[in-house]
């Protein structure tokens, strides 16, 4: 869903060891990667020697030095389920301001189409269920729309999906 190409500026939030960023590097993208964990970023540096890295907490409004430009794509995988919905929306609104004209965000995460779908999964998993702030796509898309964001949800399994959030200029 990112539809990235050569020379695009890509910001990977919660890059971890760099596995997602590697896919964008293979496409010829310029990469900026953040993560909460210095140890994870150290592993990513070995895989992606040309990327720019910084330790950063997404909840903080200040961006690290060198991350002040606009990005064609902002991507994240399996990070946002740690935040409550209003925090997710606040972060996404701030990120939308960092998009270049025609850019968009792509967020892959643990997500369910609705509360009923999440409850069904919780029943099936029983004691294996771990409660976090999982996305409920219907609720999240409505909240993003109310916040002036254009969001689309694509499920990829019963418990995961991808949100594509368009910038204002799209």
Protein backbone atom coordinates (compact mmCIF):
# COMPACT_ATOMS: atom_id res chain seq x y z
CA UNK A 1 0.00 0.00 0.00
CA UNK A 2 2.96 2.36 0.36
CA UNK A 3 3.63 2.31 -3.39
CA UNK A 4 7.13 3.63 -2.76
CA UNK A 5 9.71 4.16 -5.47
CA UNK A 6 13.29 5.28 -6.07
CA UNK A 7 14.45 8.48 -4.37
CA UNK A 8 11.30 8.78 -2.24
CA UNK A 9 11.91 10.07 1.27
CA UNK A 10 10.56 7.47 3.73
CA UNK A 11 10.26 7.84 7.49
CA UNK A 12 9.99 4.49 9.32
CA UNK A 13 8.56 4.93 12.82
CA UNK A 14 9.39 2.18 15.27
CA UNK A 15 11.92 0.75 12.83
CA UNK A 16 13.23 -1.82 15.30
CA UNK A 17 15.94 -3.88 13.66
CA UNK A 18 15.18 -2.41 10.23
CA UNK A 19 13.34 -5.27 8.53
CA UNK A 20 10.58 -3.07 7.11
CA UNK A 21 13.06 -0.33 6.15
CA UNK A 22 15.07 -2.92 4.19
CA UNK A 23 12.13 -3.29 1.79
CA UNK A 24 12.19 0.45 1.09
CA UNK A 25 15.98 0.48 0.74
CA UNK A 26 15.67 -2.24 -1.92
CA UNK A 27 13.35 0.12 -3.84
CA UNK A 28 15.96 2.90 -3.78
CA UNK A 29 14.24 5.05 -1.14
CA UNK A 30 16.05 7.49 1.13
CA UNK A 31 15.42 6.35 4.71
CA UNK A 32 15.00 8.01 8.09
CA UNK A 33 14.33 5.56 10.92
CA UNK A 34 13.28 6.12 14.51
CA UNK A 35 12.75 3.77 17.40
CA UNK A 36 12.32 3.98 21.15
CA UNK A 37 15.13 1.43 21.64
CA UNK A 38 18.80 2.36 21.03
CA UNK A 39 19.70 -1.36 20.98
CA UNK A 40 17.22 -2.08 18.18
CA UNK A 41 18.48 0.86 16.12
CA UNK A 42 22.05 -0.36 16.54
CA UNK A 43 21.04 -3.62 14.86
CA UNK A 44 19.28 -1.69 12.09
CA UNK A 45 22.37 0.46 11.44
CA UNK A 46 24.29 -2.64 10.40
CA UNK A 47 21.60 -3.57 7.86
CA UNK A 48 21.02 -0.04 6.55
CA UNK A 49 24.30 1.91 6.53
CA UNK A 50 22.87 4.75 4.40
CA UNK A 51 19.80 5.41 6.54
CA UNK A 52 19.54 8.21 9.09
CA UNK A 53 18.69 6.95 12.59
CA UNK A 54 17.49 8.54 15.81
CA UNK A 55 16.09 7.39 19.11
CA UNK A 56 12.66 8.97 19.38
CA UNK A 57 9.44 8.55 21.30
CA UNK A 58 6.48 9.15 18.97
CA UNK A 59 4.55 10.76 21.80
CA UNK A 60 7.05 13.62 21.92
CA UNK A 61 6.34 16.60 19.64
CA UNK A 62 10.01 17.49 19.08
CA UNK A 63 11.76 15.70 16.25
CA UNK A 64 15.42 14.67 16.28
CA UNK A 65 17.98 16.74 14.40
CA UNK A 66 18.04 15.88 10.70
CA UNK A 67 14.39 14.81 10.64
CA UNK A 68 12.99 18.23 9.79
CA UNK A 69 12.14 17.69 6.12
CA UNK A 70 8.94 16.42 4.54
CA UNK A 71 8.48 12.76 3.65
CA UNK A 72 6.81 11.08 0.69
CA UNK A 73 5.82 8.15 2.87
CA UNK A 74 5.66 7.66 6.61
CA UNK A 75 5.40 4.02 7.59
CA UNK A 76 5.06 2.10 10.83
CA UNK A 77 4.54 -1.55 11.70
CA UNK A 78 3.29 -2.88 15.02
CA UNK A 79 3.84 0.25 17.11
CA UNK A 80 0.53 2.09 17.45
CA UNK A 81 -1.28 -0.64 19.42
CA UNK A 82 0.60 0.68 22.46
CA UNK A 83 -1.37 3.97 22.35
CA UNK A 84 -5.00 4.73 23.21
CA UNK A 85 -7.14 5.95 20.31
CA UNK A 86 -6.95 9.68 21.07
CA UNK A 87 -3.14 9.40 21.30
CA UNK A 88 -3.07 7.53 17.97
CA UNK A 89 -5.12 10.31 16.36
CA UNK A 90 -2.97 13.06 17.89
CA UNK A 91 0.21 11.39 16.62
CA UNK A 92 -1.25 10.78 13.15
CA UNK A 93 -2.37 14.43 12.92
CA UNK A 94 1.17 15.57 13.80
CA UNK A 95 2.66 13.15 11.27
CA UNK A 96 0.30 14.36 8.55
CA UNK A 97 2.02 17.74 8.83
CA UNK A 98 5.33 16.06 7.93
CA UNK A 99 4.07 14.68 4.61
CA UNK A 100 5.25 16.06 1.29
CA UNK A 101 2.51 17.00 -1.20
CA UNK A 102 0.94 13.78 -2.45
CA UNK A 103 2.39 11.76 0.44
CA UNK A 104 0.65 9.39 2.80
CA UNK A 105 1.07 7.35 5.96
CA UNK A 106 0.92 3.56 6.02
CA UNK A 107 0.41 2.01 9.45
CA UNK A 108 0.35 -1.78 9.81
CA UNK A 109 -0.69 -3.05 13.21
CA UNK A 110 -2.76 -5.40 15.27
CA UNK A 111 -6.27 -4.35 14.36
CA UNK A 112 -9.81 -5.63 14.21
CA UNK A 113 -12.61 -4.46 11.94
CA UNK A 114 -14.89 -3.85 14.94
CA UNK A 115 -15.30 -4.41 18.67
CA UNK A 116 -17.34 -7.55 17.91
CA UNK A 117 -14.43 -8.95 15.87
CA UNK A 118 -11.98 -8.20 18.67
CA UNK A 119 -14.26 -9.84 21.24
CA UNK A 120 -14.54 -12.91 19.02
CA UNK A 121 -10.74 -13.15 18.81
CA UNK A 122 -10.45 -12.71 22.57
CA UNK A 123 -12.89 -15.60 23.10
CA UNK A 124 -10.97 -17.87 20.73
CA UNK A 125 -7.57 -17.06 22.23
CA UNK A 126 -8.71 -17.34 25.85
CA UNK A 127 -5.75 -17.22 28.23
CA UNK A 128 -3.37 -16.46 25.35
CA UNK A 129 -5.04 -13.05 24.83
CA UNK A 130 -2.87 -10.05 25.69
CA UNK A 131 -4.79 -6.84 26.19
CA UNK A 132 -3.35 -3.75 24.54
CA UNK A 133 -4.82 -0.71 22.80
CA UNK A 134 -5.65 -2.56 19.61
CA UNK A 135 -7.12 -0.67 16.69
CA UNK A 136 -10.84 -1.04 16.02
CA UNK A 137 -10.90 -0.04 12.37
CA UNK A 138 -14.47 1.23 12.27
CA UNK A 139 -13.92 3.43 15.33
CA UNK A 140 -10.44 4.57 14.25
CA UNK A 141 -11.48 5.50 10.70
CA UNK A 142 -14.45 7.48 12.03
CA UNK A 143 -12.20 9.28 14.53
CA UNK A 144 -9.65 10.09 11.83
CA UNK A 145 -12.38 11.37 9.52
CA UNK A 146 -13.71 13.56 12.36
CA UNK A 147 -10.15 14.88 12.77
CA UNK A 148 -10.00 15.80 9.07
CA UNK A 149 -7.92 12.82 7.96
CA UNK A 150 -8.75 10.54 5.05
CA UNK A 151 -8.14 6.97 6.22
CA UNK A 152 -8.73 3.59 4.64
CA UNK A 153 -8.35 0.23 6.38
CA UNK A 154 -7.30 -2.99 4.65
CA UNK A 155 -7.48 -6.16 6.76
CA UNK A 156 -4.69 -8.67 6.20
CA UNK A 157 -5.82 -11.28 8.75
CA UNK A 158 -8.41 -11.66 11.48
CA UNK A 159 -6.17 -9.67 13.84
CA UNK A 160 -4.07 -7.35 11.69
CA UNK A 161 -4.48 -4.73 9.04
CA UNK A 162 -3.07 -1.69 7.34
CA UNK A 163 -4.28 1.90 7.56
CA UNK A 164 -3.46 4.20 4.68
CA UNK A 165 -3.91 7.83 5.66
CA UNK A 166 -3.75 10.46 2.96
CA UNK A 167 -2.15 13.84 3.42
CA UNK A 168 -4.29 16.95 2.96
CA UNK A 169 -2.84 17.61 -0.47
CA UNK A 170 -3.81 14.19 -1.86
